[in-house]
Amino acid sequence: MRVFVVYKSGTGFTKAYAEFIAADLNGALVPFKDRRRLKPDPDAVLIFGAPIKASALPGSRWFLRNRGRFKKAYAFAVGASPADSKDLPAFLEKQKRAGLDLFYMPGGFCWEKMSRTTRFILRNFFLPAVKKAEGEESEMYRTVSHSYSQVDKKFADPLIQAVKKEIASD
């Protein structure tokens, strides 16, 4: 069974997970900008991944519109929060109600690869507001105040195993 891994990545964390997944499943890696070249295939598996931005998943509307054109479809979200973040269950439940049953993979935060506009907004508006409201010791402030990576293949394994199980049952 063919596997297509479509990913949208700004700073590289989602791309790293997409590469883990595609390599392990012998799948085709498809950057989101090239998604229109992907032809519907009722015998294939579609996997979509994107970073969480402002509590949303960019590209998710495309995934929701196209997932029915494949035998099975999975989605994963990559965020700056640790896998055990107290805010994560509420986010995942909200996405599930919207039709997205997501696998979550912690990514990180990379100031160096952000656009100047994003860095400006974060440094001058967001960080000071979080600092004032929650303090420098809050999880949110610590999460976005510096660059770091939590990327580890072990976080992709539950998705990889689910797809392997689907392929084996075919």
N, C-alpha and C. Protein backbone atom coordinates (compact mmCIF):
# COMPACT_ATOMS: atom_id res chain seq x y z
N MET A 1 0.85 -1.17 0.00
CA MET A 1 0.00 0.00 0.00
C MET A 1 0.90 1.24 0.00
N ARG A 2 0.58 2.18 -0.85
CA ARG A 2 1.37 3.40 -0.94
C ARG A 2 1.03 4.33 0.23
N VAL A 3 2.02 5.08 0.66
CA VAL A 3 1.85 6.03 1.76
C VAL A 3 2.37 7.39 1.30
N PHE A 4 1.55 8.41 1.51
CA PHE A 4 1.94 9.78 1.19
C PHE A 4 1.97 10.58 2.48
N VAL A 5 3.08 11.25 2.75
CA VAL A 5 3.22 12.07 3.94
C VAL A 5 3.31 13.52 3.49
N VAL A 6 2.21 14.25 3.65
CA VAL A 6 2.15 15.66 3.28
C VAL A 6 2.40 16.46 4.54
N TYR A 7 3.32 17.42 4.45
CA TYR A 7 3.65 18.19 5.65
C TYR A 7 3.77 19.68 5.33
N LYS A 8 3.45 20.46 6.34
CA LYS A 8 3.60 21.91 6.29
C LYS A 8 4.51 22.25 7.46
N SER A 9 5.64 22.91 7.17
CA SER A 9 6.61 23.19 8.22
C SER A 9 7.22 24.56 8.02
N GLY A 10 7.31 25.30 9.10
CA GLY A 10 7.91 26.63 9.01
C GLY A 10 9.34 26.65 9.52
N THR A 11 9.57 26.01 10.64
CA THR A 11 10.90 26.07 11.24
C THR A 11 11.62 24.72 11.25
N GLY A 12 11.00 23.69 10.66
CA GLY A 12 11.68 22.42 10.48
C GLY A 12 11.26 21.28 11.38
N PHE A 13 10.53 21.55 12.44
CA PHE A 13 10.15 20.47 13.36
C PHE A 13 9.16 19.50 12.72
N THR A 14 8.15 20.02 12.04
CA THR A 14 7.17 19.15 11.38
C THR A 14 7.83 18.36 10.25
N LYS A 15 8.72 19.00 9.53
CA LYS A 15 9.44 18.31 8.46
C LYS A 15 10.25 17.14 9.02
N ALA A 16 10.89 17.34 10.16
CA ALA A 16 11.69 16.27 10.77
C ALA A 16 10.81 15.06 11.09
N TYR A 17 9.63 15.31 11.66
CA TYR A 17 8.72 14.19 11.95
C TYR A 17 8.21 13.55 10.66
N ALA A 18 7.89 14.36 9.66
CA ALA A 18 7.43 13.82 8.39
C ALA A 18 8.50 12.91 7.78
N GLU A 19 9.75 13.31 7.90
CA GLU A 19 10.85 12.48 7.38
C GLU A 19 10.97 11.17 8.14
N PHE A 20 10.82 11.21 9.47
CA PHE A 20 10.84 9.96 10.26
C PHE A 20 9.74 9.02 9.77
N ILE A 21 8.54 9.57 9.62
CA ILE A 21 7.37 8.77 9.26
C ILE A 21 7.52 8.19 7.86
N ALA A 22 7.88 9.04 6.90
CA ALA A 22 8.03 8.57 5.51
C ALA A 22 9.12 7.50 5.41
N ALA A 23 10.23 7.70 6.11
CA ALA A 23 11.33 6.72 6.05
C ALA A 23 10.89 5.38 6.64
N ASP A 24 10.22 5.42 7.77
CA ASP A 24 9.82 4.18 8.45
C ASP A 24 8.75 3.42 7.67
N LEU A 25 7.90 4.16 6.95
CA LEU A 25 6.80 3.53 6.21
C LEU A 25 7.09 3.40 4.72
N ASN A 26 8.30 3.75 4.33
CA ASN A 26 8.68 3.73 2.92
C ASN A 26 7.69 4.56 2.09
N GLY A 27 7.36 5.73 2.61
CA GLY A 27 6.37 6.58 1.98
C GLY A 27 6.98 7.72 1.20
N ALA A 28 6.14 8.38 0.43
CA ALA A 28 6.55 9.54 -0.35
C ALA A 28 6.38 10.79 0.50
N LEU A 29 7.42 11.59 0.58
CA LEU A 29 7.40 12.84 1.34
C LEU A 29 6.95 13.96 0.40
N VAL A 30 5.87 14.67 0.78
CA VAL A 30 5.29 15.69 -0.09
C VAL A 30 5.16 17.01 0.67
N PRO A 31 5.99 18.02 0.35
CA PRO A 31 5.80 19.33 0.99
C PRO A 31 4.40 19.87 0.66
N PHE A 32 3.80 20.58 1.58
CA PHE A 32 2.43 21.08 1.41
C PHE A 32 2.30 21.90 0.13
N LYS A 33 3.32 22.65 -0.22
CA LYS A 33 3.25 23.48 -1.43
C LYS A 33 3.12 22.64 -2.70
N ASP A 34 3.49 21.36 -2.63
CA ASP A 34 3.38 20.46 -3.78
C ASP A 34 2.17 19.53 -3.70
N ARG A 35 1.26 19.78 -2.77
CA ARG A 35 0.13 18.87 -2.54
C ARG A 35 -0.78 18.71 -3.75
N ARG A 36 -0.84 19.70 -4.62
CA ARG A 36 -1.73 19.61 -5.79
C ARG A 36 -1.27 18.55 -6.79
N ARG A 37 0.01 18.18 -6.71
CA ARG A 37 0.54 17.12 -7.58
C ARG A 37 0.10 15.73 -7.11
N LEU A 38 -0.38 15.65 -5.89
CA LEU A 38 -0.79 14.38 -5.31
C LEU A 38 -2.16 13.99 -5.87
N LYS A 39 -2.21 12.84 -6.49
CA LYS A 39 -3.47 12.36 -7.08
C LYS A 39 -4.21 11.49 -6.07
N PRO A 40 -5.54 11.64 -6.00
CA PRO A 40 -6.32 10.79 -5.10
C PRO A 40 -6.06 9.31 -5.41
N ASP A 41 -5.96 8.52 -4.36
CA ASP A 41 -5.66 7.10 -4.52
C ASP A 41 -6.43 6.31 -3.47
N PRO A 42 -7.52 5.65 -3.86
CA PRO A 42 -8.34 4.92 -2.88
C PRO A 42 -7.64 3.71 -2.27
N ASP A 43 -6.45 3.38 -2.75
CA ASP A 43 -5.69 2.27 -2.19
C ASP A 43 -4.49 2.74 -1.37
N ALA A 44 -4.37 4.03 -1.14
CA ALA A 44 -3.21 4.58 -0.45
C ALA A 44 -3.58 5.16 0.91
N VAL A 45 -2.55 5.40 1.71
CA VAL A 45 -2.70 6.04 3.01
C VAL A 45 -2.19 7.48 2.89
N LEU A 46 -2.97 8.43 3.39
CA LEU A 46 -2.58 9.83 3.43
C LEU A 46 -2.26 10.19 4.88
N ILE A 47 -1.09 10.78 5.08
CA ILE A 47 -0.71 11.29 6.40
C ILE A 47 -0.41 12.77 6.23
N PHE A 48 -1.04 13.59 7.07
CA PHE A 48 -0.85 15.05 6.99
C PHE A 48 -0.30 15.55 8.32
N GLY A 49 0.71 16.41 8.26
CA GLY A 49 1.27 17.00 9.46
C GLY A 49 1.48 18.49 9.31
N ALA A 50 1.25 19.21 10.39
CA ALA A 50 1.43 20.66 10.37
C ALA A 50 1.74 21.16 11.79
N PRO A 51 2.35 22.35 11.86
CA PRO A 51 2.61 22.93 13.19
C PRO A 51 1.35 23.58 13.75
N ILE A 52 1.26 23.60 15.05
CA ILE A 52 0.15 24.30 15.70
C ILE A 52 0.51 25.78 15.72
N LYS A 53 -0.39 26.59 15.20
CA LYS A 53 -0.19 28.04 15.20
C LYS A 53 -1.45 28.70 15.71
N ALA A 54 -1.34 29.43 16.79
CA ALA A 54 -2.47 30.13 17.39
C ALA A 54 -3.66 29.18 17.58
N SER A 55 -3.41 28.02 18.15
CA SER A 55 -4.42 27.00 18.43
C SER A 55 -5.14 26.48 17.19
N ALA A 56 -4.48 26.55 16.05
CA ALA A 56 -5.05 26.04 14.81
C ALA A 56 -3.99 25.23 14.08
N LEU A 57 -4.43 24.48 13.09
CA LEU A 57 -3.54 23.65 12.29
C LEU A 57 -3.60 24.13 10.84
N PRO A 58 -2.61 24.91 10.39
CA PRO A 58 -2.64 25.39 9.00
C PRO A 58 -2.68 24.23 8.02
N GLY A 59 -3.54 24.33 7.03
CA GLY A 59 -3.66 23.28 6.03
C GLY A 59 -4.69 22.22 6.38
N SER A 60 -5.28 22.30 7.56
CA SER A 60 -6.21 21.25 7.98
C SER A 60 -7.47 21.21 7.12
N ARG A 61 -7.89 22.34 6.58
CA ARG A 61 -9.08 22.32 5.70
C ARG A 61 -8.79 21.49 4.45
N TRP A 62 -7.57 21.63 3.91
CA TRP A 62 -7.20 20.81 2.75
C TRP A 62 -7.28 19.33 3.12
N PHE A 63 -6.72 18.97 4.28
CA PHE A 63 -6.74 17.58 4.72
C PHE A 63 -8.17 17.07 4.88
N LEU A 64 -9.02 17.84 5.53
CA LEU A 64 -10.40 17.42 5.76
C LEU A 64 -11.15 17.23 4.44
N ARG A 65 -10.88 18.08 3.45
CA ARG A 65 -11.53 17.96 2.14
C ARG A 65 -11.02 16.75 1.35
N ASN A 66 -9.78 16.37 1.55
CA ASN A 66 -9.15 15.35 0.70
C ASN A 66 -8.98 13.97 1.33
N ARG A 67 -9.17 13.85 2.61
CA ARG A 67 -8.89 12.57 3.26
C ARG A 67 -9.78 11.44 2.76
N GLY A 68 -10.98 11.74 2.31
CA GLY A 68 -11.89 10.72 1.80
C GLY A 68 -11.46 10.14 0.46
N ARG A 69 -10.48 10.74 -0.16
CA ARG A 69 -9.99 10.27 -1.46
C ARG A 69 -8.91 9.19 -1.33
N PHE A 70 -8.65 8.80 -0.08
CA PHE A 70 -7.63 7.80 0.21
C PHE A 70 -8.26 6.71 1.07
N LYS A 71 -7.62 5.54 1.07
CA LYS A 71 -8.16 4.41 1.85
C LYS A 71 -8.23 4.75 3.33
N LYS A 72 -7.18 5.36 3.83
CA LYS A 72 -7.11 5.74 5.25
C LYS A 72 -6.32 7.04 5.34
N ALA A 73 -6.68 7.87 6.31
CA ALA A 73 -5.98 9.15 6.47
C ALA A 73 -5.70 9.40 7.95
N TYR A 74 -4.53 9.93 8.21
CA TYR A 74 -4.08 10.25 9.57
C TYR A 74 -3.55 11.68 9.56
N ALA A 75 -3.59 12.31 10.73
CA ALA A 75 -3.04 13.66 10.84
C ALA A 75 -2.23 13.78 12.12
N PHE A 76 -1.18 14.58 12.05
CA PHE A 76 -0.39 14.85 13.26
C PHE A 76 -0.12 16.34 13.36
N ALA A 77 -0.03 16.77 14.61
CA ALA A 77 0.23 18.17 14.91
C ALA A 77 1.54 18.26 15.69
N VAL A 78 2.32 19.27 15.37
CA VAL A 78 3.59 19.50 16.06
C VAL A 78 3.51 20.85 16.76
N GLY A 79 3.82 20.83 18.05
CA GLY A 79 3.73 22.07 18.81
C GLY A 79 4.93 22.29 19.69
N ALA A 80 4.97 23.45 20.29
CA ALA A 80 6.08 23.81 21.17
C ALA A 80 5.92 23.21 22.57
N SER A 81 4.72 22.81 22.91
CA SER A 81 4.47 22.28 24.25
C SER A 81 5.01 20.87 24.41
N PRO A 82 5.43 20.53 25.63
CA PRO A 82 5.85 19.15 25.87
C PRO A 82 4.67 18.19 25.72
N ALA A 83 4.97 16.93 25.51
CA ALA A 83 3.92 15.93 25.29
C ALA A 83 2.99 15.80 26.48
N ASP A 84 3.45 16.16 27.68
CA ASP A 84 2.62 16.04 28.88
C ASP A 84 2.02 17.39 29.34
N SER A 85 1.96 18.35 28.43
CA SER A 85 1.42 19.67 28.77
C SER A 85 -0.03 19.57 29.24
N LYS A 86 -0.35 20.31 30.27
CA LYS A 86 -1.71 20.29 30.82
C LYS A 86 -2.73 20.90 29.86
N ASP A 87 -2.28 21.72 28.91
CA ASP A 87 -3.18 22.37 27.96
C ASP A 87 -3.48 21.50 26.73
N LEU A 88 -2.70 20.46 26.54
CA LEU A 88 -2.80 19.65 25.33
C LEU A 88 -4.13 18.88 25.19
N PRO A 89 -4.64 18.22 26.23
CA PRO A 89 -5.91 17.48 26.06
C PRO A 89 -7.06 18.36 25.56
N ALA A 90 -7.17 19.57 26.06
CA ALA A 90 -8.26 20.46 25.63
C ALA A 90 -8.10 20.82 24.15
N PHE A 91 -6.87 21.10 23.72
CA PHE A 91 -6.61 21.40 22.31
C PHE A 91 -6.97 20.22 21.42
N LEU A 92 -6.52 19.02 21.80
CA LEU A 92 -6.78 17.83 21.00
C LEU A 92 -8.28 17.52 20.94
N GLU A 93 -8.97 17.73 22.04
CA GLU A 93 -10.42 17.50 22.06
C GLU A 93 -11.14 18.49 21.15
N LYS A 94 -10.72 19.75 21.17
CA LYS A 94 -11.31 20.77 20.28
C LYS A 94 -11.10 20.38 18.82
N GLN A 95 -9.92 19.92 18.48
CA GLN A 95 -9.63 19.50 17.11
C GLN A 95 -10.46 18.27 16.72
N LYS A 96 -10.64 17.36 17.66
CA LYS A 96 -11.42 16.15 17.40
C LYS A 96 -12.87 16.51 17.09
N ARG A 97 -13.41 17.47 17.84
CA ARG A 97 -14.79 17.92 17.58
C ARG A 97 -14.91 18.56 16.20
N ALA A 98 -13.80 19.13 15.70
CA ALA A 98 -13.79 19.74 14.37
C ALA A 98 -13.50 18.69 13.27
N GLY A 99 -13.33 17.43 13.65
CA GLY A 99 -13.11 16.38 12.68
C GLY A 99 -11.67 15.92 12.53
N LEU A 100 -10.78 16.48 13.34
CA LEU A 100 -9.36 16.11 13.27
C LEU A 100 -8.96 15.30 14.49
N ASP A 101 -8.75 14.02 14.30
CA ASP A 101 -8.26 13.16 15.37
C ASP A 101 -6.75 13.11 15.20
N LEU A 102 -6.04 13.86 16.01
CA LEU A 102 -4.61 14.10 15.81
C LEU A 102 -3.70 13.25 16.68
N PHE A 103 -2.54 12.95 16.13
CA PHE A 103 -1.41 12.46 16.91
C PHE A 103 -0.60 13.71 17.22
N TYR A 104 -0.19 13.89 18.46
CA TYR A 104 0.61 15.07 18.83
C TYR A 104 2.07 14.70 18.98
N MET A 105 2.93 15.57 18.44
CA MET A 105 4.38 15.38 18.53
C MET A 105 5.02 16.70 18.96
N PRO A 106 5.73 16.70 20.09
CA PRO A 106 6.36 17.94 20.53
C PRO A 106 7.51 18.32 19.60
N GLY A 107 7.52 19.56 19.19
CA GLY A 107 8.56 20.05 18.29
C GLY A 107 9.56 20.91 19.01
N GLY A 108 9.26 22.17 19.08
CA GLY A 108 10.16 23.10 19.73
C GLY A 108 9.85 24.51 19.32
N PHE A 109 10.83 25.32 19.46
CA PHE A 109 10.69 26.74 19.16
C PHE A 109 12.01 27.19 18.56
N CYS A 110 11.98 27.83 17.42
CA CYS A 110 13.22 28.24 16.76
C CYS A 110 13.14 29.70 16.34
N TRP A 111 13.62 30.55 17.22
CA TRP A 111 13.61 31.99 16.94
C TRP A 111 14.36 32.30 15.65
N GLU A 112 15.44 31.58 15.39
CA GLU A 112 16.31 31.89 14.26
C GLU A 112 15.63 31.66 12.91
N LYS A 113 14.67 30.75 12.84
CA LYS A 113 14.02 30.44 11.56
C LYS A 113 12.65 31.12 11.40
N MET A 114 12.26 31.91 12.39
CA MET A 114 10.98 32.62 12.29
C MET A 114 11.13 33.85 11.41
N SER A 115 10.02 34.26 10.84
CA SER A 115 10.04 35.49 10.05
C SER A 115 10.28 36.68 10.98
N ARG A 116 10.79 37.74 10.43
CA ARG A 116 11.02 38.95 11.24
C ARG A 116 9.73 39.45 11.87
N THR A 117 8.65 39.37 11.13
CA THR A 117 7.36 39.83 11.64
C THR A 117 6.94 39.01 12.86
N THR A 118 7.05 37.70 12.75
CA THR A 118 6.68 36.83 13.88
C THR A 118 7.56 37.12 15.09
N ARG A 119 8.86 37.23 14.88
CA ARG A 119 9.78 37.54 16.00
C ARG A 119 9.41 38.88 16.64
N PHE A 120 9.11 39.88 15.83
CA PHE A 120 8.74 41.20 16.34
C PHE A 120 7.49 41.11 17.21
N ILE A 121 6.48 40.43 16.71
CA ILE A 121 5.22 40.30 17.46
C ILE A 121 5.44 39.55 18.77
N LEU A 122 6.18 38.46 18.71
CA LEU A 122 6.43 37.67 19.92
C LEU A 122 7.22 38.47 20.96
N ARG A 123 8.30 39.11 20.52
CA ARG A 123 9.16 39.84 21.46
C ARG A 123 8.50 41.08 22.05
N ASN A 124 7.73 41.79 21.23
CA ASN A 124 7.21 43.08 21.66
C ASN A 124 5.79 43.07 22.20
N PHE A 125 5.03 42.02 21.89
CA PHE A 125 3.64 41.99 22.36
C PHE A 125 3.33 40.73 23.17
N PHE A 126 3.60 39.58 22.58
CA PHE A 126 3.20 38.33 23.21
C PHE A 126 3.98 38.04 24.49
N LEU A 127 5.31 38.03 24.42
CA LEU A 127 6.11 37.72 25.61
C LEU A 127 5.85 38.68 26.77
N PRO A 128 5.82 39.99 26.53
CA PRO A 128 5.52 40.90 27.65
C PRO A 128 4.12 40.65 28.25
N ALA A 129 3.14 40.32 27.41
CA ALA A 129 1.79 40.06 27.91
C ALA A 129 1.76 38.79 28.76
N VAL A 130 2.45 37.75 28.31
CA VAL A 130 2.50 36.49 29.08
C VAL A 130 3.25 36.71 30.38
N LYS A 131 4.35 37.44 30.31
CA LYS A 131 5.15 37.72 31.51
C LYS A 131 4.31 38.44 32.55
N LYS A 132 3.55 39.43 32.10
CA LYS A 132 2.71 40.21 33.01
C LYS A 132 1.56 39.37 33.58
N ALA A 133 0.92 38.56 32.74
CA ALA A 133 -0.24 37.79 33.17
C ALA A 133 0.12 36.54 33.98
N GLU A 134 1.21 35.85 33.55
CA GLU A 134 1.51 34.55 34.15
C GLU A 134 2.86 34.48 34.86
N GLY A 135 3.74 35.42 34.55
CA GLY A 135 5.06 35.42 35.17
C GLY A 135 6.10 34.67 34.35
N GLU A 136 7.36 34.95 34.65
CA GLU A 136 8.47 34.33 33.91
C GLU A 136 8.61 32.84 34.18
N GLU A 137 8.03 32.35 35.25
CA GLU A 137 8.14 30.92 35.59
C GLU A 137 7.02 30.08 34.98
N SER A 138 6.07 30.72 34.29
CA SER A 138 4.95 29.97 33.71
C SER A 138 5.44 29.09 32.57
N GLU A 139 4.69 28.00 32.34
CA GLU A 139 5.03 27.08 31.24
C GLU A 139 5.02 27.82 29.90
N MET A 140 4.03 28.67 29.69
CA MET A 140 3.93 29.40 28.42
C MET A 140 5.13 30.30 28.20
N TYR A 141 5.52 31.04 29.21
CA TYR A 141 6.67 31.96 29.05
C TYR A 141 7.94 31.16 28.78
N ARG A 142 8.16 30.10 29.54
CA ARG A 142 9.37 29.28 29.34
C ARG A 142 9.37 28.64 27.95
N THR A 143 8.18 28.29 27.45
CA THR A 143 8.07 27.62 26.16
C THR A 143 8.48 28.53 25.01
N VAL A 144 8.13 29.80 25.06
CA VAL A 144 8.37 30.66 23.90
C VAL A 144 9.49 31.69 24.08
N SER A 145 10.17 31.66 25.18
CA SER A 145 11.18 32.70 25.41
C SER A 145 12.56 32.36 24.85
N HIS A 146 12.76 31.14 24.37
CA HIS A 146 14.06 30.77 23.82
C HIS A 146 13.90 29.63 22.80
N SER A 147 14.93 29.39 22.02
CA SER A 147 14.92 28.29 21.04
C SER A 147 15.27 26.97 21.72
N TYR A 148 14.62 25.90 21.27
CA TYR A 148 14.92 24.56 21.77
C TYR A 148 14.22 23.55 20.85
N SER A 149 14.62 22.29 20.94
CA SER A 149 14.00 21.22 20.17
C SER A 149 13.71 20.03 21.07
N GLN A 150 12.50 19.48 20.91
CA GLN A 150 12.10 18.26 21.61
C GLN A 150 11.91 17.11 20.63
N VAL A 151 12.27 17.33 19.37
CA VAL A 151 12.02 16.34 18.32
C VAL A 151 12.71 15.02 18.67
N ASP A 152 11.93 13.95 18.64
CA ASP A 152 12.44 12.61 18.91
C ASP A 152 11.53 11.63 18.19
N LYS A 153 12.11 10.70 17.48
CA LYS A 153 11.33 9.74 16.71
C LYS A 153 10.32 8.98 17.57
N LYS A 154 10.61 8.82 18.84
CA LYS A 154 9.69 8.07 19.71
C LYS A 154 8.29 8.68 19.73
N PHE A 155 8.20 10.00 19.49
CA PHE A 155 6.88 10.65 19.48
C PHE A 155 6.11 10.35 18.19
N ALA A 156 6.81 9.94 17.14
CA ALA A 156 6.16 9.58 15.88
C ALA A 156 5.75 8.11 15.87
N ASP A 157 6.31 7.32 16.76
CA ASP A 157 6.06 5.88 16.75
C ASP A 157 4.59 5.48 16.88
N PRO A 158 3.78 6.11 17.72
CA PRO A 158 2.36 5.70 17.79
C PRO A 158 1.65 5.83 16.42
N LEU A 159 1.94 6.90 15.70
CA LEU A 159 1.35 7.08 14.37
C LEU A 159 1.90 6.02 13.41
N ILE A 160 3.19 5.82 13.42
CA ILE A 160 3.82 4.82 12.54
C ILE A 160 3.23 3.44 12.81
N GLN A 161 3.06 3.07 14.07
CA GLN A 161 2.51 1.76 14.42
C GLN A 161 1.05 1.64 13.97
N ALA A 162 0.28 2.70 14.09
CA ALA A 162 -1.13 2.68 13.64
C ALA A 162 -1.20 2.44 12.13
N VAL A 163 -0.34 3.09 11.38
CA VAL A 163 -0.34 2.91 9.92
C VAL A 163 0.14 1.50 9.57
N LYS A 164 1.17 1.02 10.24
CA LYS A 164 1.66 -0.34 9.97
C LYS A 164 0.56 -1.37 10.25
N LYS A 165 -0.20 -1.16 11.31
CA LYS A 165 -1.30 -2.06 11.63
C LYS A 165 -2.37 -2.03 10.52
N GLU A 166 -2.66 -0.84 10.02
CA GLU A 166 -3.62 -0.68 8.92
C GLU A 166 -3.13 -1.40 7.66
N ILE A 167 -1.86 -1.24 7.34
CA ILE A 167 -1.29 -1.88 6.17
C ILE A 167 -1.31 -3.40 6.31
N ALA A 168 -0.97 -3.89 7.51
CA ALA A 168 -0.94 -5.34 7.74
C ALA A 168 -2.33 -5.97 7.64
N SER A 169 -3.36 -5.22 8.00
CA SER A 169 -4.72 -5.77 7.97
C SER A 169 -5.32 -5.72 6.58
N ASP A 170 -4.63 -5.09 5.65
CA ASP A 170 -5.14 -4.95 4.29
C ASP A 170 -4.94 -6.21 3.47
